[in-house]
Structure formats: structure tokens, C-alpha cells
Amino acid sequence: MGAHVSKQVERRKAISTEKKTLVDLKQTVGSDYPGSDYHPPDRKNWMSGLDPDRIRINQIVWPGTHDSATNKIGIPLVTRPFAQCQSLSIYEQLKTGARVLDIRVQEDRRVCHGILLSYSVDVVIADLKRFLEETNSEIVILEIRTEFGHDDPPDFDKYLEDQLGEFLIHQDDQVFNRTISDLLPKRVICVWKPRKTPQPKPGGPLWGSGYLKDNWIDTDLPSTKFESNMKHLGEQQPAANRKYFYRVENTVTPQADNPVLCVKPVTDRIRDYARMFIAQSFARGFADRLQIFSTDFIDEDFVDACVGLTSARVEGKA
């Protein structure tokens, strides 16, 4: 018992120290960068507002959501706080400005996070279609994967093609250098990541797992995650030279050996430092490598942080 208490005390000290590290860093370097003062007048149509004729796919800093379809996961007030990473529906996230969705499914096509279940993936597709029908020039990256420990839904590639066929941008390495207008009326880059069934074929309507990469680490320590994100981003090529999307997740994850197991208070340790991360990527000389930037509990300021940098790139200021 004494050893357990001692370990918890040390864990709390470590978390407190890491939180202070980020506070001190923010006071030292701030959160300003090219485009940081930009706020899109219409977040629902922010790509349209930046001129689809000028924006190349590899210039975009894509605001993304982590575990996007968890707003109704589990049982409210019972299991939901342990797995909920978003409070908004998929449609509301897209309307707020998110353009990358991270969806986890199990064999029966229900959304899941570990062992906890949410609604059918049909709800995700319906919300996405509603958004696409209400807008004209917004491109969305839809990543769908089979959750760890689960089997692939049968014939899921055919399901995605049937549901989204008219919107799907076929896999093509040239897409990264094209403008949004070049791709229209197609509007969805769908990355399907099965666990056992074959990967999507090159040139087909779905993109394979190698086209969306990240370096996720499982930690609840905010400074550790911040620096890990920085390290791995610095190891990438500039976005303009890549033929895949690279994601940085501005999140931390509850750990079983810590008394705080609810997602919200844990991920809040890092969530407010998104702008500082972008500023630091400039200070360290690799802001040109930032591409997909994802968060828990997305809000308007996070979207603005990404759209502002995108605007600066399009204007040749970054």
C-alpha cells in the first residue's frame, strides 16, 4: 500500500512539473506565428474563403479530430467520460472547421473506442454527406480503421465505395500537388485501414494506410508528448515534398496507473498549447512539415490556428 501511494505521489509531481514546463515555455516564446491573427469569417466554408483555385493540397494545415465519433460513446456519466474525446457530432465538427476525421469501427460497423461502443458508422457517413451537400469546395480526409483487438467489418471497402462513391478522390500521388479546384467535384480522401483484409489497391477510390502516418505515443505527460511531437515532426520531409499525409496529435491519454482516468481533464493538460506548438515549429525551423494537426474536443480557436497558417502559406508569408 505504501509503495502504491508513493508511486502516485511521484506521478502527480511529474505531471505538475510537466504542466509547468509548458506554461514557462509559453511565457518565453509565446504563440505568435505567420497567420496567427487570421480568423476565417465562415468556418463552415473556410477552404472556399481562401480561394480553391490557389490552395494546393500540400499547403493545407488540416484541423483534425482525434477519435472523432465518440461524442455519444458508452453510457452517459458512467463509462462515457473514460472514452469520450469529442463533444460535437461529426456534422458539428465539420461545420466548426474540422477537415480530418478519425473513425474506429468493429466487425458490425459500429464505432468503438476499445471495448466501449457508440453509434453505427452509418451516422458518420450521413453527417459527412449532409456537410458535403451544404458546401461546395470543402475537402475532407476521412480515416477509418478497424479498432485494435477487433475484426474488420465484412466487405467494408465496398460499403464505403457504395456510400461515398460520387465524392471519392481516387488514390493518386499527384493529388498532393493539385489545387482544391483541380479535384472538384470530388471532395473526400478516404483512408481505409483494415487489420486483416487486403489494403486498398493503388489508383482505386480508397487510400491505403501508408498515406496517413503519425508517431503516436501513449502518455498522459503533456511536455513529454509535446516534445515527442516536435521530435517526430522534425524528422519528416517538408509537406511539399511528401506523397503521404503526416499527422500530429495534440493530445495526451489517461493511464491506468494514475487516479485521473477521464479523458477531458487529462487531455486538457496539452489542449491549450496548440498555437504554441505551431509557433515552436517555426522557432525550431520545421513549420513547413506541419500538415494534419488533430485535437480532442475541437473548438473554434484550434480551427483558426490551423486555417491561419494555411492562409499564410497561400499568401507566401510562411
C-alpha atoms as a PDB file:
ATOM      1  CA  MET A   1       0.000   0.000   0.000  1.00  0.00           C
ATOM      2  CA  GLY A   2       2.786   2.414   0.936  1.00  0.00           C
ATOM      3  CA  ALA A   3       4.626   1.741  -2.316  1.00  0.00           C
ATOM      4  CA  HIS A   4       1.451   2.408  -4.289  1.00  0.00           C
ATOM      5  CA  VAL A   5       0.861   5.736  -2.518  1.00  0.00           C
ATOM      6  CA  SER A   6       4.484   6.722  -3.057  1.00  0.00           C
ATOM      7  CA  LYS A   7       4.170   5.961  -6.770  1.00  0.00           C
ATOM      8  CA  GLN A   8       1.040   8.079  -7.038  1.00  0.00           C
ATOM      9  CA  VAL A   9       2.781  10.985  -5.317  1.00  0.00           C
ATOM     10  CA  GLU A  10       5.654  10.743  -7.797  1.00  0.00           C
ATOM     11  CA  ARG A  11       3.236  10.573 -10.718  1.00  0.00           C
ATOM     12  CA  ARG A  12       1.457  13.721  -9.549  1.00  0.00           C
ATOM     13  CA  LYS A  13       4.762  15.512  -9.143  1.00  0.00           C
ATOM     14  CA  ALA A  14       5.794  14.516 -12.671  1.00  0.00           C
ATOM     15  CA  ILE A  15       2.528  15.781 -14.134  1.00  0.00           C
ATOM     16  CA  SER A  16       2.787  19.050 -12.189  1.00  0.00           C
ATOM     17  CA  THR A  17       6.365  19.560 -13.360  1.00  0.00           C
ATOM     18  CA  GLU A  18       5.467  18.912 -16.996  1.00  0.00           C
ATOM     19  CA  LYS A  19       2.485  21.260 -16.875  1.00  0.00           C
ATOM     20  CA  LYS A  20       4.754  23.982 -15.503  1.00  0.00           C
ATOM     21  CA  THR A  21       7.282  23.312 -18.267  1.00  0.00           C
ATOM     22  CA  LEU A  22       4.677  24.143 -20.905  1.00  0.00           C
ATOM     23  CA  VAL A  23       3.471  27.213 -19.007  1.00  0.00           C
ATOM     24  CA  ASP A  24       7.036  28.505 -18.774  1.00  0.00           C
ATOM     25  CA  LEU A  25       7.717  27.771 -22.442  1.00  0.00           C
ATOM     26  CA  LYS A  26       4.601  29.673 -23.498  1.00  0.00           C
ATOM     27  CA  GLN A  27       5.632  32.685 -21.430  1.00  0.00           C
ATOM     28  CA  THR A  28       9.061  32.606 -23.042  1.00  0.00           C
ATOM     29  CA  VAL A  29       8.247  32.016 -26.711  1.00  0.00           C
ATOM     30  CA  GLY A  30       4.585  32.985 -26.966  1.00  0.00           C
ATOM     31  CA  SER A  31       2.089  31.727 -29.535  1.00  0.00           C
ATOM     32  CA  ASP A  32       2.524  34.086 -32.478  1.00  0.00           C
ATOM     33  CA  TYR A  33       3.415  32.894 -35.982  1.00  0.00           C
ATOM     34  CA  PRO A  34       2.591  33.907 -39.568  1.00  0.00           C
ATOM     35  CA  GLY A  35      -1.201  33.871 -39.866  1.00  0.00           C
ATOM     36  CA  SER A  36      -1.876  33.528 -36.134  1.00  0.00           C
ATOM     37  CA  ASP A  37      -4.080  36.637 -36.183  1.00  0.00           C
ATOM     38  CA  TYR A  38      -6.282  35.305 -39.010  1.00  0.00           C
ATOM     39  CA  HIS A  39      -9.851  34.231 -38.200  1.00  0.00           C
ATOM     40  CA  PRO A  40     -11.957  32.826 -41.044  1.00  0.00           C
ATOM     41  CA  PRO A  41     -15.264  34.687 -41.403  1.00  0.00           C
ATOM     42  CA  ASP A  42     -17.079  31.423 -42.197  1.00  0.00           C
ATOM     43  CA  ARG A  43     -15.514  28.329 -40.638  1.00  0.00           C
ATOM     44  CA  LYS A  44     -18.008  26.037 -42.330  1.00  0.00           C
ATOM     45  CA  ASN A  45     -16.614  27.186 -45.692  1.00  0.00           C
ATOM     46  CA  TRP A  46     -13.077  28.179 -44.772  1.00  0.00           C
ATOM     47  CA  MET A  47     -11.462  26.465 -47.752  1.00  0.00           C
ATOM     48  CA  SER A  48     -13.773  28.353 -50.091  1.00  0.00           C
ATOM     49  CA  GLY A  49     -12.833  31.562 -48.294  1.00  0.00           C
ATOM     50  CA  LEU A  50      -9.135  31.040 -49.023  1.00  0.00           C
ATOM     51  CA  ASP A  51      -9.768  30.523 -52.766  1.00  0.00           C
ATOM     52  CA  PRO A  52      -9.848  26.903 -54.010  1.00  0.00           C
ATOM     53  CA  ASP A  53      -8.051  27.953 -57.209  1.00  0.00           C
ATOM     54  CA  ARG A  54      -4.931  28.830 -55.192  1.00  0.00           C
ATOM     55  CA  ILE A  55      -4.796  26.288 -52.352  1.00  0.00           C
ATOM     56  CA  ARG A  56      -2.715  23.206 -53.102  1.00  0.00           C
ATOM     57  CA  ILE A  57      -3.449  20.117 -51.034  1.00  0.00           C
ATOM     58  CA  ASN A  58       0.106  20.052 -49.671  1.00  0.00           C
ATOM     59  CA  GLN A  59      -0.206  23.659 -48.403  1.00  0.00           C
ATOM     60  CA  ILE A  60      -3.131  22.942 -46.105  1.00  0.00           C
ATOM     61  CA  VAL A  61      -2.755  22.620 -42.346  1.00  0.00           C
ATOM     62  CA  TRP A  62      -5.698  20.308 -41.791  1.00  0.00           C
ATOM     63  CA  PRO A  63      -7.590  20.710 -38.482  1.00  0.00           C
ATOM     64  CA  GLY A  64      -8.417  17.190 -37.336  1.00  0.00           C
ATOM     65  CA  THR A  65     -10.264  15.473 -34.529  1.00  0.00           C
ATOM     66  CA  HIS A  66      -8.943  12.519 -32.550  1.00  0.00           C
ATOM     67  CA  ASP A  67     -11.413   9.663 -32.005  1.00  0.00           C
ATOM     68  CA  SER A  68     -13.942  11.756 -33.872  1.00  0.00           C
ATOM     69  CA  ALA A  69     -17.108   9.710 -33.354  1.00  0.00           C
ATOM     70  CA  THR A  70     -17.003   9.373 -29.563  1.00  0.00           C
ATOM     71  CA  ASN A  71     -19.466  12.124 -28.651  1.00  0.00           C
ATOM     72  CA  LYS A  72     -22.057   9.515 -27.641  1.00  0.00           C
ATOM     73  CA  ILE A  73     -19.812   6.602 -26.731  1.00  0.00           C
ATOM     74  CA  GLY A  74     -20.606   4.356 -23.773  1.00  0.00           C
ATOM     75  CA  ILE A  75     -23.103   5.207 -21.040  1.00  0.00           C
ATOM     76  CA  PRO A  76     -23.531   8.885 -20.100  1.00  0.00           C
ATOM     77  CA  LEU A  77     -21.906   9.791 -16.753  1.00  0.00           C
ATOM     78  CA  VAL A  78     -20.827   6.158 -16.273  1.00  0.00           C
ATOM     79  CA  THR A  79     -18.413   4.943 -18.951  1.00  0.00           C
ATOM     80  CA  ARG A  80     -18.554   7.872 -21.395  1.00  0.00           C
ATOM     81  CA  PRO A  81     -16.057  10.107 -19.520  1.00  0.00           C
ATOM     82  CA  PHE A  82     -13.399   7.379 -19.884  1.00  0.00           C
ATOM     83  CA  ALA A  83     -13.582   7.298 -23.707  1.00  0.00           C
ATOM     84  CA  GLN A  84     -15.220  10.479 -24.968  1.00  0.00           C
ATOM     85  CA  CYS A  85     -12.739  12.582 -26.956  1.00  0.00           C
ATOM     86  CA  GLN A  86     -15.244  14.868 -28.715  1.00  0.00           C
ATOM     87  CA  SER A  87     -18.420  16.565 -27.543  1.00  0.00           C
ATOM     88  CA  LEU A  88     -19.651  17.589 -31.005  1.00  0.00           C
ATOM     89  CA  SER A  89     -21.304  15.384 -33.610  1.00  0.00           C
ATOM     90  CA  ILE A  90     -19.445  14.686 -36.842  1.00  0.00           C
ATOM     91  CA  TYR A  91     -21.563  17.269 -38.651  1.00  0.00           C
ATOM     92  CA  GLU A  92     -20.918  19.877 -35.943  1.00  0.00           C
ATOM     93  CA  GLN A  93     -17.164  19.189 -36.087  1.00  0.00           C
ATOM     94  CA  LEU A  94     -17.134  19.718 -39.850  1.00  0.00           C
ATOM     95  CA  LYS A  95     -19.262  22.848 -39.521  1.00  0.00           C
ATOM     96  CA  THR A  96     -16.816  24.169 -36.909  1.00  0.00           C
ATOM     97  CA  GLY A  97     -13.980  23.645 -39.395  1.00  0.00           C
ATOM     98  CA  ALA A  98     -12.543  20.163 -38.834  1.00  0.00           C
ATOM     99  CA  ARG A  99     -11.384  18.575 -42.081  1.00  0.00           C
ATOM    100  CA  VAL A 100      -9.837  15.292 -40.898  1.00  0.00           C
ATOM    101  CA  LEU A 101     -11.929  12.625 -39.192  1.00  0.00           C
ATOM    102  CA  ASP A 102     -10.544   9.666 -37.221  1.00  0.00           C
ATOM    103  CA  ILE A 103     -13.132   6.870 -37.082  1.00  0.00           C
ATOM    104  CA  ARG A 104     -12.644   3.480 -35.364  1.00  0.00           C
ATOM    105  CA  VAL A 105     -15.013   0.594 -36.132  1.00  0.00           C
ATOM    106  CA  GLN A 106     -15.579  -3.014 -35.149  1.00  0.00           C
ATOM    107  CA  GLU A 107     -16.902  -6.002 -37.093  1.00  0.00           C
ATOM    108  CA  ASP A 108     -20.593  -4.956 -37.014  1.00  0.00           C
ATOM    109  CA  ARG A 109     -19.734  -1.453 -38.335  1.00  0.00           C
ATOM    110  CA  ARG A 110     -20.371   0.207 -35.002  1.00  0.00           C
ATOM    111  CA  VAL A 111     -17.993   2.922 -33.888  1.00  0.00           C
ATOM    112  CA  CYS A 112     -15.931   1.894 -30.866  1.00  0.00           C
ATOM    113  CA  HIS A 113     -13.111   3.039 -28.617  1.00  0.00           C
ATOM    114  CA  GLY A 114     -11.552  -0.019 -27.054  1.00  0.00           C
ATOM    115  CA  ILE A 115     -14.420  -2.059 -25.612  1.00  0.00           C
ATOM    116  CA  LEU A 116     -16.906   0.822 -25.489  1.00  0.00           C
ATOM    117  CA  LEU A 117     -19.435   1.248 -28.272  1.00  0.00           C
ATOM    118  CA  SER A 118     -21.131   4.166 -29.987  1.00  0.00           C
ATOM    119  CA  TYR A 119     -23.464   4.520 -32.954  1.00  0.00           C
ATOM    120  CA  SER A 120     -23.258   2.835 -36.353  1.00  0.00           C
ATOM    121  CA  VAL A 121     -20.792   4.190 -38.884  1.00  0.00           C
ATOM    122  CA  ASP A 122     -23.914   4.991 -40.938  1.00  0.00           C
ATOM    123  CA  VAL A 123     -24.340   8.020 -38.654  1.00  0.00           C
ATOM    124  CA  VAL A 124     -20.842   9.225 -39.549  1.00  0.00           C
ATOM    125  CA  ILE A 125     -21.485   8.824 -43.269  1.00  0.00           C
ATOM    126  CA  ALA A 126     -24.854  10.591 -43.030  1.00  0.00           C
ATOM    127  CA  ASP A 127     -23.312  13.563 -41.190  1.00  0.00           C
ATOM    128  CA  LEU A 128     -20.459  13.761 -43.700  1.00  0.00           C
ATOM    129  CA  LYS A 129     -22.857  13.670 -46.663  1.00  0.00           C
ATOM    130  CA  ARG A 130     -25.019  16.375 -45.079  1.00  0.00           C
ATOM    131  CA  PHE A 131     -21.973  18.612 -44.756  1.00  0.00           C
ATOM    132  CA  LEU A 132     -20.832  17.934 -48.313  1.00  0.00           C
ATOM    133  CA  GLU A 133     -24.282  18.701 -49.677  1.00  0.00           C
ATOM    134  CA  GLU A 134     -24.357  22.031 -47.813  1.00  0.00           C
ATOM    135  CA  THR A 135     -20.923  23.160 -49.045  1.00  0.00           C
ATOM    136  CA  ASN A 136     -19.215  23.373 -52.418  1.00  0.00           C
ATOM    137  CA  SER A 137     -15.423  23.376 -52.083  1.00  0.00           C
ATOM    138  CA  GLU A 138     -14.520  21.798 -48.736  1.00  0.00           C
ATOM    139  CA  ILE A 139     -12.239  18.746 -48.931  1.00  0.00           C
ATOM    140  CA  VAL A 140     -12.400  16.187 -46.106  1.00  0.00           C
ATOM    141  CA  ILE A 141      -9.933  13.447 -45.189  1.00  0.00           C
ATOM    142  CA  LEU A 142     -11.904  10.530 -43.759  1.00  0.00           C
ATOM    143  CA  GLU A 143      -9.698   7.995 -41.991  1.00  0.00           C
ATOM    144  CA  ILE A 144     -11.497   4.806 -40.982  1.00  0.00           C
ATOM    145  CA  ARG A 145      -9.686   2.000 -39.238  1.00  0.00           C
ATOM    146  CA  THR A 146     -10.589  -1.243 -37.544  1.00  0.00           C
ATOM    147  CA  GLU A 147     -10.063  -0.692 -33.829  1.00  0.00           C
ATOM    148  CA  PHE A 148      -7.254  -2.622 -32.143  1.00  0.00           C
ATOM    149  CA  GLY A 149      -8.448  -6.020 -30.916  1.00  0.00           C
ATOM    150  CA  HIS A 150     -11.398  -6.145 -33.326  1.00  0.00           C
ATOM    151  CA  ASP A 151     -12.032  -7.801 -36.680  1.00  0.00           C
ATOM    152  CA  ASP A 152     -12.589  -5.946 -39.927  1.00  0.00           C
ATOM    153  CA  PRO A 153     -16.217  -5.372 -40.949  1.00  0.00           C
ATOM    154  CA  PRO A 154     -17.035  -7.708 -43.857  1.00  0.00           C
ATOM    155  CA  ASP A 155     -16.899  -6.090 -47.323  1.00  0.00           C
ATOM    156  CA  PHE A 156     -16.291  -2.699 -45.731  1.00  0.00           C
ATOM    157  CA  ASP A 157     -14.402  -1.352 -48.732  1.00  0.00           C
ATOM    158  CA  LYS A 158     -17.459  -1.973 -50.903  1.00  0.00           C
ATOM    159  CA  TYR A 159     -19.656  -0.308 -48.294  1.00  0.00           C
ATOM    160  CA  LEU A 160     -17.509   2.841 -48.350  1.00  0.00           C
ATOM    161  CA  GLU A 161     -17.455   2.930 -52.131  1.00  0.00           C
ATOM    162  CA  ASP A 162     -21.241   2.486 -52.324  1.00  0.00           C
ATOM    163  CA  GLN A 163     -21.897   5.184 -49.737  1.00  0.00           C
ATOM    164  CA  LEU A 164     -19.370   7.795 -50.879  1.00  0.00           C
ATOM    165  CA  GLY A 165     -18.564   6.879 -54.476  1.00  0.00           C
ATOM    166  CA  GLU A 166     -19.645  10.184 -56.033  1.00  0.00           C
ATOM    167  CA  PHE A 167     -17.414  12.136 -53.622  1.00  0.00           C
ATOM    168  CA  LEU A 168     -14.306   9.943 -53.505  1.00  0.00           C
ATOM    169  CA  ILE A 169     -10.979  11.306 -54.736  1.00  0.00           C
ATOM    170  CA  HIS A 170      -9.123   8.298 -56.162  1.00  0.00           C
ATOM    171  CA  GLN A 171      -5.660   7.493 -54.885  1.00  0.00           C
ATOM    172  CA  ASP A 172      -3.089   9.357 -56.955  1.00  0.00           C
ATOM    173  CA  ASP A 173       0.259  10.737 -55.784  1.00  0.00           C
ATOM    174  CA  GLN A 174      -0.329  13.802 -57.950  1.00  0.00           C
ATOM    175  CA  VAL A 175      -3.214  14.836 -55.687  1.00  0.00           C
ATOM    176  CA  PHE A 176      -0.781  16.401 -53.206  1.00  0.00           C
ATOM    177  CA  ASN A 177       0.367  18.985 -55.765  1.00  0.00           C
ATOM    178  CA  ARG A 178      -3.082  19.826 -57.078  1.00  0.00           C
ATOM    179  CA  THR A 179      -5.360  22.646 -56.018  1.00  0.00           C
ATOM    180  CA  ILE A 180      -8.746  22.123 -54.446  1.00  0.00           C
ATOM    181  CA  SER A 181     -10.387  23.303 -57.684  1.00  0.00           C
ATOM    182  CA  ASP A 182      -8.447  20.666 -59.625  1.00  0.00           C
ATOM    183  CA  LEU A 183     -10.104  17.936 -57.541  1.00  0.00           C
ATOM    184  CA  LEU A 184     -13.675  19.205 -57.534  1.00  0.00           C
ATOM    185  CA  PRO A 185     -16.388  17.968 -57.636  1.00  0.00           C
ATOM    186  CA  LYS A 186     -14.733  15.070 -55.795  1.00  0.00           C
ATOM    187  CA  ARG A 187     -14.370  16.034 -52.131  1.00  0.00           C
ATOM    188  CA  VAL A 188     -13.345  13.091 -49.907  1.00  0.00           C
ATOM    189  CA  ILE A 189      -9.965  11.420 -49.472  1.00  0.00           C
ATOM    190  CA  CYS A 190     -10.959   8.200 -47.719  1.00  0.00           C
ATOM    191  CA  VAL A 191      -8.142   6.304 -45.993  1.00  0.00           C
ATOM    192  CA  TRP A 192      -9.252   2.770 -45.092  1.00  0.00           C
ATOM    193  CA  LYS A 193      -7.029   0.902 -42.620  1.00  0.00           C
ATOM    194  CA  PRO A 194      -8.144  -2.720 -42.201  1.00  0.00           C
ATOM    195  CA  ARG A 195      -6.302  -5.042 -39.815  1.00  0.00           C
ATOM    196  CA  LYS A 196      -6.505  -8.329 -41.721  1.00  0.00           C
ATOM    197  CA  THR A 197      -8.244  -7.829 -45.056  1.00  0.00           C
ATOM    198  CA  PRO A 198      -6.215  -6.505 -48.013  1.00  0.00           C
ATOM    199  CA  GLN A 199      -5.239  -2.855 -48.227  1.00  0.00           C
ATOM    200  CA  PRO A 200      -6.914  -0.689 -50.901  1.00  0.00           C
ATOM    201  CA  LYS A 201      -5.329  -1.021 -54.316  1.00  0.00           C
ATOM    202  CA  PRO A 202      -3.250   1.822 -55.825  1.00  0.00           C
ATOM    203  CA  GLY A 203      -5.312   4.047 -58.078  1.00  0.00           C
ATOM    204  CA  GLY A 204      -8.591   2.950 -56.526  1.00  0.00           C
ATOM    205  CA  PRO A 205     -11.276   5.014 -54.779  1.00  0.00           C
ATOM    206  CA  LEU A 206      -9.839   4.291 -51.301  1.00  0.00           C
ATOM    207  CA  TRP A 207      -6.380   5.168 -49.979  1.00  0.00           C
ATOM    208  CA  GLY A 208      -4.228   2.678 -48.044  1.00  0.00           C
ATOM    209  CA  SER A 209      -2.834   3.087 -44.538  1.00  0.00           C
ATOM    210  CA  GLY A 210       0.558   4.276 -45.813  1.00  0.00           C
ATOM    211  CA  TYR A 211      -0.977   7.538 -46.954  1.00  0.00           C
ATOM    212  CA  LEU A 212      -1.735   8.787 -43.448  1.00  0.00           C
ATOM    213  CA  LYS A 213       1.078   8.395 -40.928  1.00  0.00           C
ATOM    214  CA  ASP A 214       1.782   9.539 -37.384  1.00  0.00           C
ATOM    215  CA  ASN A 215       4.018   8.758 -34.412  1.00  0.00           C
ATOM    216  CA  TRP A 216       1.561   8.386 -31.555  1.00  0.00           C
ATOM    217  CA  ILE A 217       2.867   7.742 -28.044  1.00  0.00           C
ATOM    218  CA  ASP A 218       0.749   6.606 -25.107  1.00  0.00           C
ATOM    219  CA  THR A 219       1.351   9.098 -22.303  1.00  0.00           C
ATOM    220  CA  ASP A 220      -0.513  11.454 -20.004  1.00  0.00           C
ATOM    221  CA  LEU A 221       2.540  13.708 -19.575  1.00  0.00           C
ATOM    222  CA  PRO A 222       1.974  16.910 -21.582  1.00  0.00           C
ATOM    223  CA  SER A 223       5.549  18.116 -22.031  1.00  0.00           C
ATOM    224  CA  THR A 224       6.688  14.599 -22.939  1.00  0.00           C
ATOM    225  CA  LYS A 225       4.016  14.426 -25.657  1.00  0.00           C
ATOM    226  CA  PHE A 226       4.753  17.972 -26.844  1.00  0.00           C
ATOM    227  CA  GLU A 227       8.461  17.225 -27.284  1.00  0.00           C
ATOM    228  CA  SER A 228       7.792  13.822 -28.858  1.00  0.00           C
ATOM    229  CA  ASN A 229       5.511  15.507 -31.389  1.00  0.00           C
ATOM    230  CA  MET A 230       8.229  18.065 -32.092  1.00  0.00           C
ATOM    231  CA  LYS A 231      10.920  15.420 -32.499  1.00  0.00           C
ATOM    232  CA  HIS A 232       8.945  13.301 -34.942  1.00  0.00           C
ATOM    233  CA  LEU A 233       7.702  16.302 -36.919  1.00  0.00           C
ATOM    234  CA  GLY A 234      11.293  17.470 -37.280  1.00  0.00           C
ATOM    235  CA  GLU A 235      12.208  14.096 -38.784  1.00  0.00           C
ATOM    236  CA  GLN A 236       9.695  14.458 -41.645  1.00  0.00           C
ATOM    237  CA  GLN A 237      10.305  15.927 -45.061  1.00  0.00           C
ATOM    238  CA  PRO A 238       8.601  19.249 -45.860  1.00  0.00           C
ATOM    239  CA  ALA A 239       4.921  18.709 -46.658  1.00  0.00           C
ATOM    240  CA  ALA A 240       5.519  19.961 -50.213  1.00  0.00           C
ATOM    241  CA  ASN A 241       7.892  17.024 -50.836  1.00  0.00           C
ATOM    242  CA  ARG A 242       5.788  14.226 -49.331  1.00  0.00           C
ATOM    243  CA  LYS A 243       3.405  11.836 -51.008  1.00  0.00           C
ATOM    244  CA  TYR A 244       1.567  11.000 -47.790  1.00  0.00           C
ATOM    245  CA  PHE A 245      -0.212  12.916 -45.038  1.00  0.00           C
ATOM    246  CA  TYR A 246       1.532  13.259 -41.687  1.00  0.00           C
ATOM    247  CA  ARG A 247      -0.464  13.847 -38.507  1.00  0.00           C
ATOM    248  CA  VAL A 248       0.496  15.426 -35.208  1.00  0.00           C
ATOM    249  CA  GLU A 249      -1.961  14.782 -32.372  1.00  0.00           C
ATOM    250  CA  ASN A 250      -2.059  17.485 -29.719  1.00  0.00           C
ATOM    251  CA  THR A 251      -3.475  15.052 -27.138  1.00  0.00           C
ATOM    252  CA  VAL A 252      -2.488  13.095 -24.066  1.00  0.00           C
ATOM    253  CA  THR A 253      -4.070   9.867 -22.853  1.00  0.00           C
ATOM    254  CA  PRO A 254      -5.249   8.697 -19.394  1.00  0.00           C
ATOM    255  CA  GLN A 255      -3.057   5.991 -17.897  1.00  0.00           C
ATOM    256  CA  ALA A 256      -4.215   3.051 -15.802  1.00  0.00           C
ATOM    257  CA  ASP A 257      -1.681   3.744 -13.046  1.00  0.00           C
ATOM    258  CA  ASN A 258      -2.979   7.272 -12.448  1.00  0.00           C
ATOM    259  CA  PRO A 259      -6.115   8.147 -10.437  1.00  0.00           C
ATOM    260  CA  VAL A 260      -7.334  10.565 -13.127  1.00  0.00           C
ATOM    261  CA  LEU A 261      -8.810   8.330 -15.822  1.00  0.00           C
ATOM    262  CA  CYS A 262     -11.355  10.622 -17.504  1.00  0.00           C
ATOM    263  CA  VAL A 263     -10.256  11.918 -20.893  1.00  0.00           C
ATOM    264  CA  LYS A 264     -11.220  15.596 -20.562  1.00  0.00           C
ATOM    265  CA  PRO A 265      -9.129  16.655 -17.533  1.00  0.00           C
ATOM    266  CA  VAL A 266      -6.150  14.681 -18.804  1.00  0.00           C
ATOM    267  CA  THR A 267      -6.139  15.932 -22.397  1.00  0.00           C
ATOM    268  CA  ASP A 268      -6.705  19.496 -21.171  1.00  0.00           C
ATOM    269  CA  ARG A 269      -3.115  19.368 -19.923  1.00  0.00           C
ATOM    270  CA  ILE A 270      -1.949  19.907 -23.503  1.00  0.00           C
ATOM    271  CA  ARG A 271      -5.016  21.077 -25.428  1.00  0.00           C
ATOM    272  CA  ASP A 272      -4.451  24.814 -24.890  1.00  0.00           C
ATOM    273  CA  TYR A 273      -0.917  24.685 -26.304  1.00  0.00           C
ATOM    274  CA  ALA A 274      -1.798  24.091 -29.958  1.00  0.00           C
ATOM    275  CA  ARG A 275      -0.847  27.602 -31.035  1.00  0.00           C
ATOM    276  CA  MET A 276       2.382  27.388 -29.064  1.00  0.00           C
ATOM    277  CA  PHE A 277       3.207  24.133 -30.862  1.00  0.00           C
ATOM    278  CA  ILE A 278       2.872  25.863 -34.224  1.00  0.00           C
ATOM    279  CA  ALA A 279       4.967  28.805 -33.002  1.00  0.00           C
ATOM    280  CA  GLN A 280       7.621  26.408 -31.736  1.00  0.00           C
ATOM    281  CA  SER A 281       7.694  24.572 -35.063  1.00  0.00           C
ATOM    282  CA  PHE A 282       8.677  27.904 -36.637  1.00  0.00           C
ATOM    283  CA  ALA A 283      11.254  28.596 -33.925  1.00  0.00           C
ATOM    284  CA  ARG A 284      12.834  25.180 -34.493  1.00  0.00           C
ATOM    285  CA  GLY A 285      12.877  25.527 -38.267  1.00  0.00           C
ATOM    286  CA  PHE A 286      10.378  22.937 -39.465  1.00  0.00           C
ATOM    287  CA  ALA A 287       6.964  24.595 -39.654  1.00  0.00           C
ATOM    288  CA  ASP A 288       6.883  23.619 -43.339  1.00  0.00           C
ATOM    289  CA  ARG A 289       6.434  19.991 -42.220  1.00  0.00           C
ATOM    290  CA  LEU A 290       3.199  20.534 -40.301  1.00  0.00           C
ATOM    291  CA  GLN A 291       0.213  19.113 -42.160  1.00  0.00           C
ATOM    292  CA  ILE A 292      -2.556  17.369 -40.186  1.00  0.00           C
ATOM    293  CA  PHE A 293      -2.951  18.738 -36.660  1.00  0.00           C
ATOM    294  CA  SER A 294      -5.507  16.933 -34.502  1.00  0.00           C
ATOM    295  CA  THR A 295      -7.070  17.533 -31.114  1.00  0.00           C
ATOM    296  CA  ASP A 296      -9.559  16.250 -28.591  1.00  0.00           C
ATOM    297  CA  PHE A 297     -12.670  18.383 -28.026  1.00  0.00           C
ATOM    298  CA  ILE A 298     -12.127  20.613 -31.048  1.00  0.00           C
ATOM    299  CA  ASP A 299     -13.103  24.272 -30.792  1.00  0.00           C
ATOM    300  CA  GLU A 300     -13.065  27.351 -32.998  1.00  0.00           C
ATOM    301  CA  ASP A 301      -9.689  28.609 -31.778  1.00  0.00           C
ATOM    302  CA  PHE A 302      -7.981  25.343 -32.763  1.00  0.00           C
ATOM    303  CA  VAL A 303      -9.521  25.577 -36.230  1.00  0.00           C
ATOM    304  CA  ASP A 304      -8.430  29.206 -36.561  1.00  0.00           C
ATOM    305  CA  ALA A 305      -4.871  28.291 -35.562  1.00  0.00           C
ATOM    306  CA  CYS A 306      -4.656  25.823 -38.466  1.00  0.00           C
ATOM    307  CA  VAL A 307      -6.540  27.920 -41.010  1.00  0.00           C
ATOM    308  CA  GLY A 308      -4.386  30.953 -40.161  1.00  0.00           C
ATOM    309  CA  LEU A 309      -1.199  29.102 -41.028  1.00  0.00           C
ATOM    310  CA  THR A 310      -2.812  27.742 -44.188  1.00  0.00           C
ATOM    311  CA  SER A 311      -3.726  31.296 -45.187  1.00  0.00           C
ATOM    312  CA  ALA A 312      -0.158  32.460 -44.585  1.00  0.00           C
ATOM    313  CA  ARG A 313       1.195  29.655 -46.780  1.00  0.00           C
ATOM    314  CA  VAL A 314      -1.186  30.503 -49.605  1.00  0.00           C
ATOM    315  CA  GLU A 315      -0.191  34.178 -49.365  1.00  0.00           C
ATOM    316  CA  GLY A 316       3.515  33.271 -49.392  1.00  0.00           C
ATOM    317  CA  LYS A 317       4.075  34.501 -45.828  1.00  0.00           C
ATOM    318  CA  ALA A 318       5.078  31.132 -44.385  1.00  0.00           C
END
